[in-house]
Amino acid sequence: MELGLVLVANIVGGTSAIMIKASTIHPVLQASYRLLFSGVILAPLFFRELKRSGRRLSLRLVAPSLLPGIVLGLHFITWITGARMTLAGNATVIVTMVPVAMPFLVFLMTRELPRKAEILGTLIALAGIAILASFDYRLDPGHFAGDLVCFLSMILYSVYLALARRFAPKERIWLYLVPLYLAGGLFCFLCALPFADPLRGITGTDVVMTLGLALGPTIVGHSLMNRAMTKLAPQTVSLFNLTQFIVAGILAYFIFGELPRPEFAFASVLIVVGVCIPILAKKEG
């Protein structure tokens, strides 16, 4: 059940790049509205769980969500900025390095270590990423700054997920997620103000795509990923994150006619095998 939900989260998350590409709104402003829409839409669930828990709305209640929300906002900002400063292939390769950073971050926060099957699965999946990197990654001094920003974005995303392992409750998850989305949205909004008018130049397509980002990749994708970090091994969750580039590649082919390179299929197989190894090992155990 939990593994199926993580797969759904990453399938839905794989649509994010498509909707961002179809929009013209300022990227940081879109990140803000995406998170704010998510928080507002989910607010009834927050107040329902608040009532059921018998707790009162207070700073102490929402405090665990503030830092993860700001980190998520920084991830969105650096990812959009870095992707525009470097080659698409470079950005894609760098952002898929989450399974490399995750074990170290989780150990620092919770002292958990990955299982042997997770280590093996990670190595196989990263072999697939290495194949893509050998063809798509380009060393270019002109794109070095963008590569560094994308690398920072990947670290921030890993930290954001690791913080969920540390702070997110196993039950009543909306008490954690709704303040997180609102805090991240407000943070992005403040960052966007010097660069973009909050209301000007927004088209109907921008509104539809931003709502789509809120309903799909955020409310479904990020919410399920945060929930998974409380119930599954963190390294297994991070491995599932690699499947997003497969979904994005398939959608890009059908929607934009972008034909993936021949090695895309082989790399995808390695990633799927790497994801399956810890799952099968857990069932056998």
C-alpha atoms as a PDB file:
ATOM      1  CA  MET A   1       0.000   0.000   0.000  1.00  0.00           C
ATOM      2  CA  GLU A   2       2.631   2.539   1.071  1.00  0.00           C
ATOM      3  CA  LEU A   3       4.923   1.666  -1.843  1.00  0.00           C
ATOM      4  CA  GLY A   4       2.039   2.058  -4.269  1.00  0.00           C
ATOM      5  CA  LEU A   5       1.318   5.519  -2.895  1.00  0.00           C
ATOM      6  CA  VAL A   6       4.982   6.522  -3.300  1.00  0.00           C
ATOM      7  CA  LEU A   7       4.859   5.356  -6.915  1.00  0.00           C
ATOM      8  CA  VAL A   8       1.707   7.418  -7.473  1.00  0.00           C
ATOM      9  CA  ALA A   9       3.442  10.421  -5.880  1.00  0.00           C
ATOM     10  CA  ASN A  10       6.336  10.202  -8.320  1.00  0.00           C
ATOM     11  CA  ILE A  11       4.150   9.559 -11.355  1.00  0.00           C
ATOM     12  CA  VAL A  12       2.152  12.675 -10.499  1.00  0.00           C
ATOM     13  CA  GLY A  13       5.358  14.546  -9.649  1.00  0.00           C
ATOM     14  CA  GLY A  14       6.721  13.713 -13.094  1.00  0.00           C
ATOM     15  CA  THR A  15       4.061  15.987 -14.623  1.00  0.00           C
ATOM     16  CA  SER A  16       5.495  19.057 -12.891  1.00  0.00           C
ATOM     17  CA  ALA A  17       8.027  19.941 -15.596  1.00  0.00           C
ATOM     18  CA  ILE A  18       5.333  19.715 -18.274  1.00  0.00           C
ATOM     19  CA  MET A  19       3.062  22.236 -16.528  1.00  0.00           C
ATOM     20  CA  ILE A  20       5.962  24.569 -15.716  1.00  0.00           C
ATOM     21  CA  LYS A  21       7.052  24.474 -19.358  1.00  0.00           C
ATOM     22  CA  ALA A  22       3.514  25.320 -20.499  1.00  0.00           C
ATOM     23  CA  SER A  23       3.409  28.449 -18.276  1.00  0.00           C
ATOM     24  CA  THR A  24       4.748  31.970 -18.795  1.00  0.00           C
ATOM     25  CA  ILE A  25       4.285  33.342 -15.254  1.00  0.00           C
ATOM     26  CA  HIS A  26       7.462  34.303 -13.383  1.00  0.00           C
ATOM     27  CA  PRO A  27       8.824  31.009 -12.021  1.00  0.00           C
ATOM     28  CA  VAL A  28       9.366  32.132  -8.426  1.00  0.00           C
ATOM     29  CA  LEU A  29       5.897  33.704  -8.351  1.00  0.00           C
ATOM     30  CA  GLN A  30       4.476  30.455  -9.723  1.00  0.00           C
ATOM     31  CA  ALA A  31       6.267  28.512  -6.980  1.00  0.00           C
ATOM     32  CA  SER A  32       4.640  30.842  -4.447  1.00  0.00           C
ATOM     33  CA  TYR A  33       1.110  30.519  -5.831  1.00  0.00           C
ATOM     34  CA  ARG A  34       1.536  26.772  -6.225  1.00  0.00           C
ATOM     35  CA  LEU A  35       2.304  26.395  -2.515  1.00  0.00           C
ATOM     36  CA  LEU A  36      -0.236  28.961  -1.330  1.00  0.00           C
ATOM     37  CA  PHE A  37      -3.006  27.356  -3.398  1.00  0.00           C
ATOM     38  CA  SER A  38      -2.079  23.988  -1.896  1.00  0.00           C
ATOM     39  CA  GLY A  39      -2.214  25.321   1.653  1.00  0.00           C
ATOM     40  CA  VAL A  40      -5.553  27.049   1.128  1.00  0.00           C
ATOM     41  CA  ILE A  41      -7.140  24.030  -0.600  1.00  0.00           C
ATOM     42  CA  LEU A  42      -5.998  21.722   2.209  1.00  0.00           C
ATOM     43  CA  ALA A  43      -6.912  24.132   5.033  1.00  0.00           C
ATOM     44  CA  PRO A  44     -10.225  22.346   5.815  1.00  0.00           C
ATOM     45  CA  LEU A  45      -8.291  19.126   6.462  1.00  0.00           C
ATOM     46  CA  PHE A  46      -5.962  21.022   8.782  1.00  0.00           C
ATOM     47  CA  PHE A  47      -8.828  22.405  10.871  1.00  0.00           C
ATOM     48  CA  ARG A  48     -10.590  19.034  10.891  1.00  0.00           C
ATOM     49  CA  GLU A  49      -7.483  17.347  12.317  1.00  0.00           C
ATOM     50  CA  LEU A  50      -6.939  20.247  14.704  1.00  0.00           C
ATOM     51  CA  LYS A  51     -10.439  19.740  16.089  1.00  0.00           C
ATOM     52  CA  ARG A  52     -10.049  15.964  16.337  1.00  0.00           C
ATOM     53  CA  SER A  53      -6.722  16.282  18.131  1.00  0.00           C
ATOM     54  CA  GLY A  54      -8.175  18.629  20.742  1.00  0.00           C
ATOM     55  CA  ARG A  55      -5.269  21.011  20.246  1.00  0.00           C
ATOM     56  CA  ARG A  56      -5.307  24.765  19.698  1.00  0.00           C
ATOM     57  CA  LEU A  57      -3.807  26.698  16.845  1.00  0.00           C
ATOM     58  CA  SER A  58      -0.518  28.092  18.120  1.00  0.00           C
ATOM     59  CA  LEU A  59       3.032  28.875  17.092  1.00  0.00           C
ATOM     60  CA  ARG A  60       4.169  25.767  18.929  1.00  0.00           C
ATOM     61  CA  LEU A  61       1.843  23.645  16.771  1.00  0.00           C
ATOM     62  CA  VAL A  62       3.089  24.976  13.415  1.00  0.00           C
ATOM     63  CA  ALA A  63       6.740  25.514  14.392  1.00  0.00           C
ATOM     64  CA  PRO A  64       7.948  22.083  13.129  1.00  0.00           C
ATOM     65  CA  SER A  65       6.614  22.984   9.659  1.00  0.00           C
ATOM     66  CA  LEU A  66       8.315  26.361   9.259  1.00  0.00           C
ATOM     67  CA  LEU A  67      11.886  25.296   8.521  1.00  0.00           C
ATOM     68  CA  PRO A  68      10.844  22.505   6.076  1.00  0.00           C
ATOM     69  CA  GLY A  69       8.526  25.004   4.345  1.00  0.00           C
ATOM     70  CA  ILE A  70      11.320  27.535   3.855  1.00  0.00           C
ATOM     71  CA  VAL A  71      13.670  24.783   2.641  1.00  0.00           C
ATOM     72  CA  LEU A  72      11.031  23.653   0.132  1.00  0.00           C
ATOM     73  CA  GLY A  73      10.634  27.232  -1.061  1.00  0.00           C
ATOM     74  CA  LEU A  74      14.401  27.567  -1.482  1.00  0.00           C
ATOM     75  CA  HIS A  75      14.429  24.280  -3.393  1.00  0.00           C
ATOM     76  CA  PHE A  76      11.815  25.585  -5.826  1.00  0.00           C
ATOM     77  CA  ILE A  77      13.656  28.890  -6.293  1.00  0.00           C
ATOM     78  CA  THR A  78      17.106  27.363  -6.815  1.00  0.00           C
ATOM     79  CA  TRP A  79      15.776  24.602  -9.064  1.00  0.00           C
ATOM     80  CA  ILE A  80      14.018  27.025 -11.414  1.00  0.00           C
ATOM     81  CA  THR A  81      16.969  29.436 -11.386  1.00  0.00           C
ATOM     82  CA  GLY A  82      19.613  26.757 -11.880  1.00  0.00           C
ATOM     83  CA  ALA A  83      17.707  24.972 -14.636  1.00  0.00           C
ATOM     84  CA  ARG A  84      17.611  28.241 -16.587  1.00  0.00           C
ATOM     85  CA  MET A  85      21.335  28.826 -16.117  1.00  0.00           C
ATOM     86  CA  THR A  86      22.590  25.467 -17.347  1.00  0.00           C
ATOM     87  CA  LEU A  87      21.827  22.796 -19.915  1.00  0.00           C
ATOM     88  CA  ALA A  88      18.680  20.728 -19.450  1.00  0.00           C
ATOM     89  CA  GLY A  89      20.732  17.518 -19.414  1.00  0.00           C
ATOM     90  CA  ASN A  90      23.006  18.869 -16.687  1.00  0.00           C
ATOM     91  CA  ALA A  91      20.063  19.935 -14.517  1.00  0.00           C
ATOM     92  CA  THR A  92      18.321  16.576 -14.901  1.00  0.00           C
ATOM     93  CA  VAL A  93      21.417  14.574 -14.001  1.00  0.00           C
ATOM     94  CA  ILE A  94      22.189  16.702 -10.944  1.00  0.00           C
ATOM     95  CA  VAL A  95      18.664  16.660  -9.505  1.00  0.00           C
ATOM     96  CA  THR A  96      18.566  12.841  -9.644  1.00  0.00           C
ATOM     97  CA  MET A  97      21.450  12.597  -7.174  1.00  0.00           C
ATOM     98  CA  VAL A  98      19.076  12.689  -4.181  1.00  0.00           C
ATOM     99  CA  PRO A  99      19.780   9.019  -3.209  1.00  0.00           C
ATOM    100  CA  VAL A 100      23.458   9.919  -2.836  1.00  0.00           C
ATOM    101  CA  ALA A 101      22.800  12.704  -0.341  1.00  0.00           C
ATOM    102  CA  MET A 102      19.866  11.149   1.525  1.00  0.00           C
ATOM    103  CA  PRO A 103      21.740   8.530   3.652  1.00  0.00           C
ATOM    104  CA  PHE A 104      24.124  11.161   5.048  1.00  0.00           C
ATOM    105  CA  LEU A 105      21.371  13.675   5.854  1.00  0.00           C
ATOM    106  CA  VAL A 106      19.106  11.097   7.487  1.00  0.00           C
ATOM    107  CA  PHE A 107      22.009   9.755   9.550  1.00  0.00           C
ATOM    108  CA  LEU A 108      22.860  13.263  10.764  1.00  0.00           C
ATOM    109  CA  MET A 109      19.238  13.893  11.798  1.00  0.00           C
ATOM    110  CA  THR A 110      18.061  10.489  13.034  1.00  0.00           C
ATOM    111  CA  ARG A 111      21.153   8.224  13.153  1.00  0.00           C
ATOM    112  CA  GLU A 112      19.458   5.774  10.728  1.00  0.00           C
ATOM    113  CA  LEU A 113      21.582   3.804   8.277  1.00  0.00           C
ATOM    114  CA  PRO A 114      20.394   2.308   4.947  1.00  0.00           C
ATOM    115  CA  ARG A 115      20.001  -1.466   4.646  1.00  0.00           C
ATOM    116  CA  LYS A 116      22.306  -3.525   2.414  1.00  0.00           C
ATOM    117  CA  ALA A 117      19.540  -4.058  -0.151  1.00  0.00           C
ATOM    118  CA  GLU A 118      18.966  -0.295  -0.305  1.00  0.00           C
ATOM    119  CA  ILE A 119      22.671   0.306  -0.886  1.00  0.00           C
ATOM    120  CA  LEU A 120      22.725  -2.271  -3.704  1.00  0.00           C
ATOM    121  CA  GLY A 121      19.569  -0.840  -5.257  1.00  0.00           C
ATOM    122  CA  THR A 122      21.009   2.670  -5.035  1.00  0.00           C
ATOM    123  CA  LEU A 123      24.218   1.635  -6.823  1.00  0.00           C
ATOM    124  CA  ILE A 124      22.293  -0.041  -9.661  1.00  0.00           C
ATOM    125  CA  ALA A 125      19.896   2.884 -10.053  1.00  0.00           C
ATOM    126  CA  LEU A 126      22.762   5.375 -10.016  1.00  0.00           C
ATOM    127  CA  ALA A 127      24.445   3.304 -12.751  1.00  0.00           C
ATOM    128  CA  GLY A 128      21.439   4.225 -14.887  1.00  0.00           C
ATOM    129  CA  ILE A 129      21.914   7.879 -14.004  1.00  0.00           C
ATOM    130  CA  ALA A 130      25.619   7.558 -14.858  1.00  0.00           C
ATOM    131  CA  ILE A 131      24.674   6.304 -18.325  1.00  0.00           C
ATOM    132  CA  LEU A 132      22.503   9.354 -18.859  1.00  0.00           C
ATOM    133  CA  ALA A 133      25.243  11.596 -17.503  1.00  0.00           C
ATOM    134  CA  SER A 134      27.823  10.190 -19.912  1.00  0.00           C
ATOM    135  CA  PHE A 135      25.666  11.329 -22.840  1.00  0.00           C
ATOM    136  CA  ASP A 136      23.739  14.317 -21.525  1.00  0.00           C
ATOM    137  CA  TYR A 137      26.060  16.028 -19.039  1.00  0.00           C
ATOM    138  CA  ARG A 138      28.395  18.593 -20.589  1.00  0.00           C
ATOM    139  CA  LEU A 139      31.329  20.170 -18.800  1.00  0.00           C
ATOM    140  CA  ASP A 140      31.196  23.840 -19.755  1.00  0.00           C
ATOM    141  CA  PRO A 141      32.668  26.748 -17.783  1.00  0.00           C
ATOM    142  CA  GLY A 142      29.759  28.872 -19.015  1.00  0.00           C
ATOM    143  CA  HIS A 143      27.263  26.629 -17.247  1.00  0.00           C
ATOM    144  CA  PHE A 144      29.287  25.943 -14.107  1.00  0.00           C
ATOM    145  CA  ALA A 145      27.372  28.448 -11.967  1.00  0.00           C
ATOM    146  CA  GLY A 146      24.064  26.928 -13.077  1.00  0.00           C
ATOM    147  CA  ASP A 147      25.337  23.447 -12.254  1.00  0.00           C
ATOM    148  CA  LEU A 148      26.251  24.598  -8.743  1.00  0.00           C
ATOM    149  CA  VAL A 149      22.805  26.125  -8.218  1.00  0.00           C
ATOM    150  CA  CYS A 150      21.152  22.884  -9.387  1.00  0.00           C
ATOM    151  CA  PHE A 151      23.380  20.920  -7.026  1.00  0.00           C
ATOM    152  CA  LEU A 152      22.325  23.213  -4.168  1.00  0.00           C
ATOM    153  CA  SER A 153      18.697  22.648  -5.180  1.00  0.00           C
ATOM    154  CA  MET A 154      19.175  18.882  -5.017  1.00  0.00           C
ATOM    155  CA  ILE A 155      20.689  19.175  -1.526  1.00  0.00           C
ATOM    156  CA  LEU A 156      17.791  21.373  -0.398  1.00  0.00           C
ATOM    157  CA  TYR A 157      15.248  18.849  -1.678  1.00  0.00           C
ATOM    158  CA  SER A 158      17.077  16.072   0.171  1.00  0.00           C
ATOM    159  CA  VAL A 159      17.142  18.160   3.352  1.00  0.00           C
ATOM    160  CA  TYR A 160      13.423  18.894   2.971  1.00  0.00           C
ATOM    161  CA  LEU A 161      12.598  15.181   2.790  1.00  0.00           C
ATOM    162  CA  ALA A 162      14.972  14.337   5.631  1.00  0.00           C
ATOM    163  CA  LEU A 163      13.269  16.981   7.773  1.00  0.00           C
ATOM    164  CA  ALA A 164       9.988  15.172   7.173  1.00  0.00           C
ATOM    165  CA  ARG A 165      11.593  12.066   8.653  1.00  0.00           C
ATOM    166  CA  ARG A 166      12.577  14.143  11.672  1.00  0.00           C
ATOM    167  CA  PHE A 167       9.486  16.301  12.229  1.00  0.00           C
ATOM    168  CA  ALA A 168       6.442  14.976  10.343  1.00  0.00           C
ATOM    169  CA  PRO A 169       3.998  12.989  12.510  1.00  0.00           C
ATOM    170  CA  LYS A 170       2.948   9.507  11.408  1.00  0.00           C
ATOM    171  CA  GLU A 171      -0.653  10.470  12.094  1.00  0.00           C
ATOM    172  CA  ARG A 172      -2.482  13.757  11.477  1.00  0.00           C
ATOM    173  CA  ILE A 173      -0.071  14.638   8.669  1.00  0.00           C
ATOM    174  CA  TRP A 174      -2.126  17.680   7.590  1.00  0.00           C
ATOM    175  CA  LEU A 175      -1.221  19.491  10.816  1.00  0.00           C
ATOM    176  CA  TYR A 176       2.347  19.384   9.485  1.00  0.00           C
ATOM    177  CA  LEU A 177       1.834  19.829   5.732  1.00  0.00           C
ATOM    178  CA  VAL A 178      -0.637  22.715   5.548  1.00  0.00           C
ATOM    179  CA  PRO A 179       1.551  25.127   7.581  1.00  0.00           C
ATOM    180  CA  LEU A 180       4.549  23.846   5.588  1.00  0.00           C
ATOM    181  CA  TYR A 181       2.957  24.729   2.236  1.00  0.00           C
ATOM    182  CA  LEU A 182       1.748  28.113   3.484  1.00  0.00           C
ATOM    183  CA  ALA A 183       5.148  28.983   4.985  1.00  0.00           C
ATOM    184  CA  GLY A 184       6.933  27.966   1.769  1.00  0.00           C
ATOM    185  CA  GLY A 185       4.431  29.895  -0.362  1.00  0.00           C
ATOM    186  CA  LEU A 186       4.774  33.069   1.691  1.00  0.00           C
ATOM    187  CA  PHE A 187       8.558  32.786   1.595  1.00  0.00           C
ATOM    188  CA  CYS A 188       8.565  32.414  -2.219  1.00  0.00           C
ATOM    189  CA  PHE A 189       6.092  35.296  -2.544  1.00  0.00           C
ATOM    190  CA  LEU A 190       8.390  37.633  -0.621  1.00  0.00           C
ATOM    191  CA  CYS A 191      11.353  36.497  -2.741  1.00  0.00           C
ATOM    192  CA  ALA A 192       9.382  37.146  -5.959  1.00  0.00           C
ATOM    193  CA  LEU A 193       8.250  40.701  -5.119  1.00  0.00           C
ATOM    194  CA  PRO A 194      11.485  42.453  -6.211  1.00  0.00           C
ATOM    195  CA  PHE A 195      11.343  40.699  -9.588  1.00  0.00           C
ATOM    196  CA  ALA A 196       7.672  40.355 -10.575  1.00  0.00           C
ATOM    197  CA  ASP A 197       4.291  42.036 -10.195  1.00  0.00           C
ATOM    198  CA  PRO A 198       2.054  39.597  -8.264  1.00  0.00           C
ATOM    199  CA  LEU A 199      -0.955  40.161 -10.565  1.00  0.00           C
ATOM    200  CA  ARG A 200       0.309  41.543 -13.839  1.00  0.00           C
ATOM    201  CA  GLY A 201       0.770  39.487 -16.995  1.00  0.00           C
ATOM    202  CA  ILE A 202      -0.856  36.322 -15.644  1.00  0.00           C
ATOM    203  CA  THR A 203      -2.799  34.469 -18.343  1.00  0.00           C
ATOM    204  CA  GLY A 204      -5.625  31.973 -18.053  1.00  0.00           C
ATOM    205  CA  THR A 205      -3.169  29.222 -18.991  1.00  0.00           C
ATOM    206  CA  ASP A 206      -0.881  30.299 -16.152  1.00  0.00           C
ATOM    207  CA  VAL A 207      -3.760  30.015 -13.669  1.00  0.00           C
ATOM    208  CA  VAL A 208      -4.754  26.563 -14.935  1.00  0.00           C
ATOM    209  CA  MET A 209      -1.166  25.267 -14.933  1.00  0.00           C
ATOM    210  CA  THR A 210      -0.446  26.677 -11.466  1.00  0.00           C
ATOM    211  CA  LEU A 211      -3.619  25.118 -10.077  1.00  0.00           C
ATOM    212  CA  GLY A 212      -2.573  21.886 -11.766  1.00  0.00           C
ATOM    213  CA  LEU A 213       0.813  22.080 -10.036  1.00  0.00           C
ATOM    214  CA  ALA A 214      -0.944  22.629  -6.707  1.00  0.00           C
ATOM    215  CA  LEU A 215      -3.477  19.821  -7.121  1.00  0.00           C
ATOM    216  CA  GLY A 216      -1.116  17.259  -8.642  1.00  0.00           C
ATOM    217  CA  PRO A 217       2.629  17.474  -7.886  1.00  0.00           C
ATOM    218  CA  THR A 218       2.130  19.345  -4.591  1.00  0.00           C
ATOM    219  CA  ILE A 219      -1.061  18.127  -2.896  1.00  0.00           C
ATOM    220  CA  VAL A 220      -0.710  14.575  -4.214  1.00  0.00           C
ATOM    221  CA  GLY A 221       3.013  14.250  -4.942  1.00  0.00           C
ATOM    222  CA  HIS A 222       4.677  16.133  -2.094  1.00  0.00           C
ATOM    223  CA  SER A 223       2.048  15.143   0.463  1.00  0.00           C
ATOM    224  CA  LEU A 224       2.480  11.447  -0.254  1.00  0.00           C
ATOM    225  CA  MET A 225       6.284  11.773  -0.271  1.00  0.00           C
ATOM    226  CA  ASN A 226       6.232  13.447   3.145  1.00  0.00           C
ATOM    227  CA  ARG A 227       3.897  10.752   4.454  1.00  0.00           C
ATOM    228  CA  ALA A 228       6.158   8.045   3.027  1.00  0.00           C
ATOM    229  CA  MET A 229       9.160   9.494   4.872  1.00  0.00           C
ATOM    230  CA  THR A 230       7.367   8.756   8.155  1.00  0.00           C
ATOM    231  CA  LYS A 231       6.454   5.157   7.281  1.00  0.00           C
ATOM    232  CA  LEU A 232       9.120   3.772   4.898  1.00  0.00           C
ATOM    233  CA  ALA A 233      12.909   3.627   4.863  1.00  0.00           C
ATOM    234  CA  PRO A 234      14.173   7.056   3.676  1.00  0.00           C
ATOM    235  CA  GLN A 235      16.551   5.556   1.094  1.00  0.00           C
ATOM    236  CA  THR A 236      13.721   3.552  -0.488  1.00  0.00           C
ATOM    237  CA  VAL A 237      11.674   6.740  -0.797  1.00  0.00           C
ATOM    238  CA  SER A 238      14.583   8.595  -2.389  1.00  0.00           C
ATOM    239  CA  LEU A 239      15.079   5.769  -4.905  1.00  0.00           C
ATOM    240  CA  PHE A 240      11.476   6.113  -6.035  1.00  0.00           C
ATOM    241  CA  ASN A 241      12.248   9.770  -6.751  1.00  0.00           C
ATOM    242  CA  LEU A 242      14.405   8.614  -9.682  1.00  0.00           C
ATOM    243  CA  THR A 243      11.320   7.356 -11.513  1.00  0.00           C
ATOM    244  CA  GLN A 244      10.160  10.947 -12.056  1.00  0.00           C
ATOM    245  CA  PHE A 245      12.555  11.500 -14.930  1.00  0.00           C
ATOM    246  CA  ILE A 246      11.125   8.405 -16.657  1.00  0.00           C
ATOM    247  CA  VAL A 247       7.585   9.786 -16.375  1.00  0.00           C
ATOM    248  CA  ALA A 248       8.707  13.254 -17.490  1.00  0.00           C
ATOM    249  CA  GLY A 249      10.552  11.776 -20.483  1.00  0.00           C
ATOM    250  CA  ILE A 250       7.513   9.787 -21.615  1.00  0.00           C
ATOM    251  CA  LEU A 251       5.161  12.745 -21.228  1.00  0.00           C
ATOM    252  CA  ALA A 252       7.575  15.066 -23.049  1.00  0.00           C
ATOM    253  CA  TYR A 253       7.552  12.647 -25.987  1.00  0.00           C
ATOM    254  CA  PHE A 254       3.754  12.518 -26.287  1.00  0.00           C
ATOM    255  CA  ILE A 255       3.050  16.200 -25.507  1.00  0.00           C
ATOM    256  CA  PHE A 256       6.029  18.052 -26.971  1.00  0.00           C
ATOM    257  CA  GLY A 257       7.371  15.440 -29.400  1.00  0.00           C
ATOM    258  CA  GLU A 258      10.733  15.346 -27.597  1.00  0.00           C
ATOM    259  CA  LEU A 259      12.327  12.035 -28.580  1.00  0.00           C
ATOM    260  CA  PRO A 260      14.488  10.567 -25.787  1.00  0.00           C
ATOM    261  CA  ARG A 261      17.966   9.262 -26.600  1.00  0.00           C
ATOM    262  CA  PRO A 262      18.382   5.490 -27.154  1.00  0.00           C
ATOM    263  CA  GLU A 263      20.141   5.060 -23.793  1.00  0.00           C
ATOM    264  CA  PHE A 264      17.050   6.450 -22.017  1.00  0.00           C
ATOM    265  CA  ALA A 265      15.345   3.028 -22.116  1.00  0.00           C
ATOM    266  CA  PHE A 266      18.363   1.137 -20.744  1.00  0.00           C
ATOM    267  CA  ALA A 267      18.890   3.708 -17.994  1.00  0.00           C
ATOM    268  CA  SER A 268      15.185   3.453 -17.111  1.00  0.00           C
ATOM    269  CA  VAL A 269      15.457  -0.335 -16.750  1.00  0.00           C
ATOM    270  CA  LEU A 270      18.427   0.001 -14.386  1.00  0.00           C
ATOM    271  CA  ILE A 271      16.563   2.529 -12.266  1.00  0.00           C
ATOM    272  CA  VAL A 272      13.472   0.312 -12.052  1.00  0.00           C
ATOM    273  CA  VAL A 273      15.644  -2.663 -11.057  1.00  0.00           C
ATOM    274  CA  GLY A 274      17.394  -0.536  -8.432  1.00  0.00           C
ATOM    275  CA  VAL A 275      14.060   0.549  -6.975  1.00  0.00           C
ATOM    276  CA  CYS A 276      12.716  -3.023  -6.910  1.00  0.00           C
ATOM    277  CA  ILE A 277      15.674  -4.589  -5.082  1.00  0.00           C
ATOM    278  CA  PRO A 278      14.987  -3.100  -1.596  1.00  0.00           C
ATOM    279  CA  ILE A 279      11.258  -3.709  -2.069  1.00  0.00           C
ATOM    280  CA  LEU A 280      11.747  -7.416  -2.848  1.00  0.00           C
ATOM    281  CA  ALA A 281      14.327  -7.771  -0.084  1.00  0.00           C
ATOM    282  CA  LYS A 282      11.860  -6.342   2.432  1.00  0.00           C
ATOM    283  CA  LYS A 283       9.144  -8.797   1.327  1.00  0.00           C
ATOM    284  CA  GLU A 284      11.519 -11.745   1.636  1.00  0.00           C
ATOM    285  CA  GLY A 285      12.621 -10.565   5.064  1.00  0.00           C
END
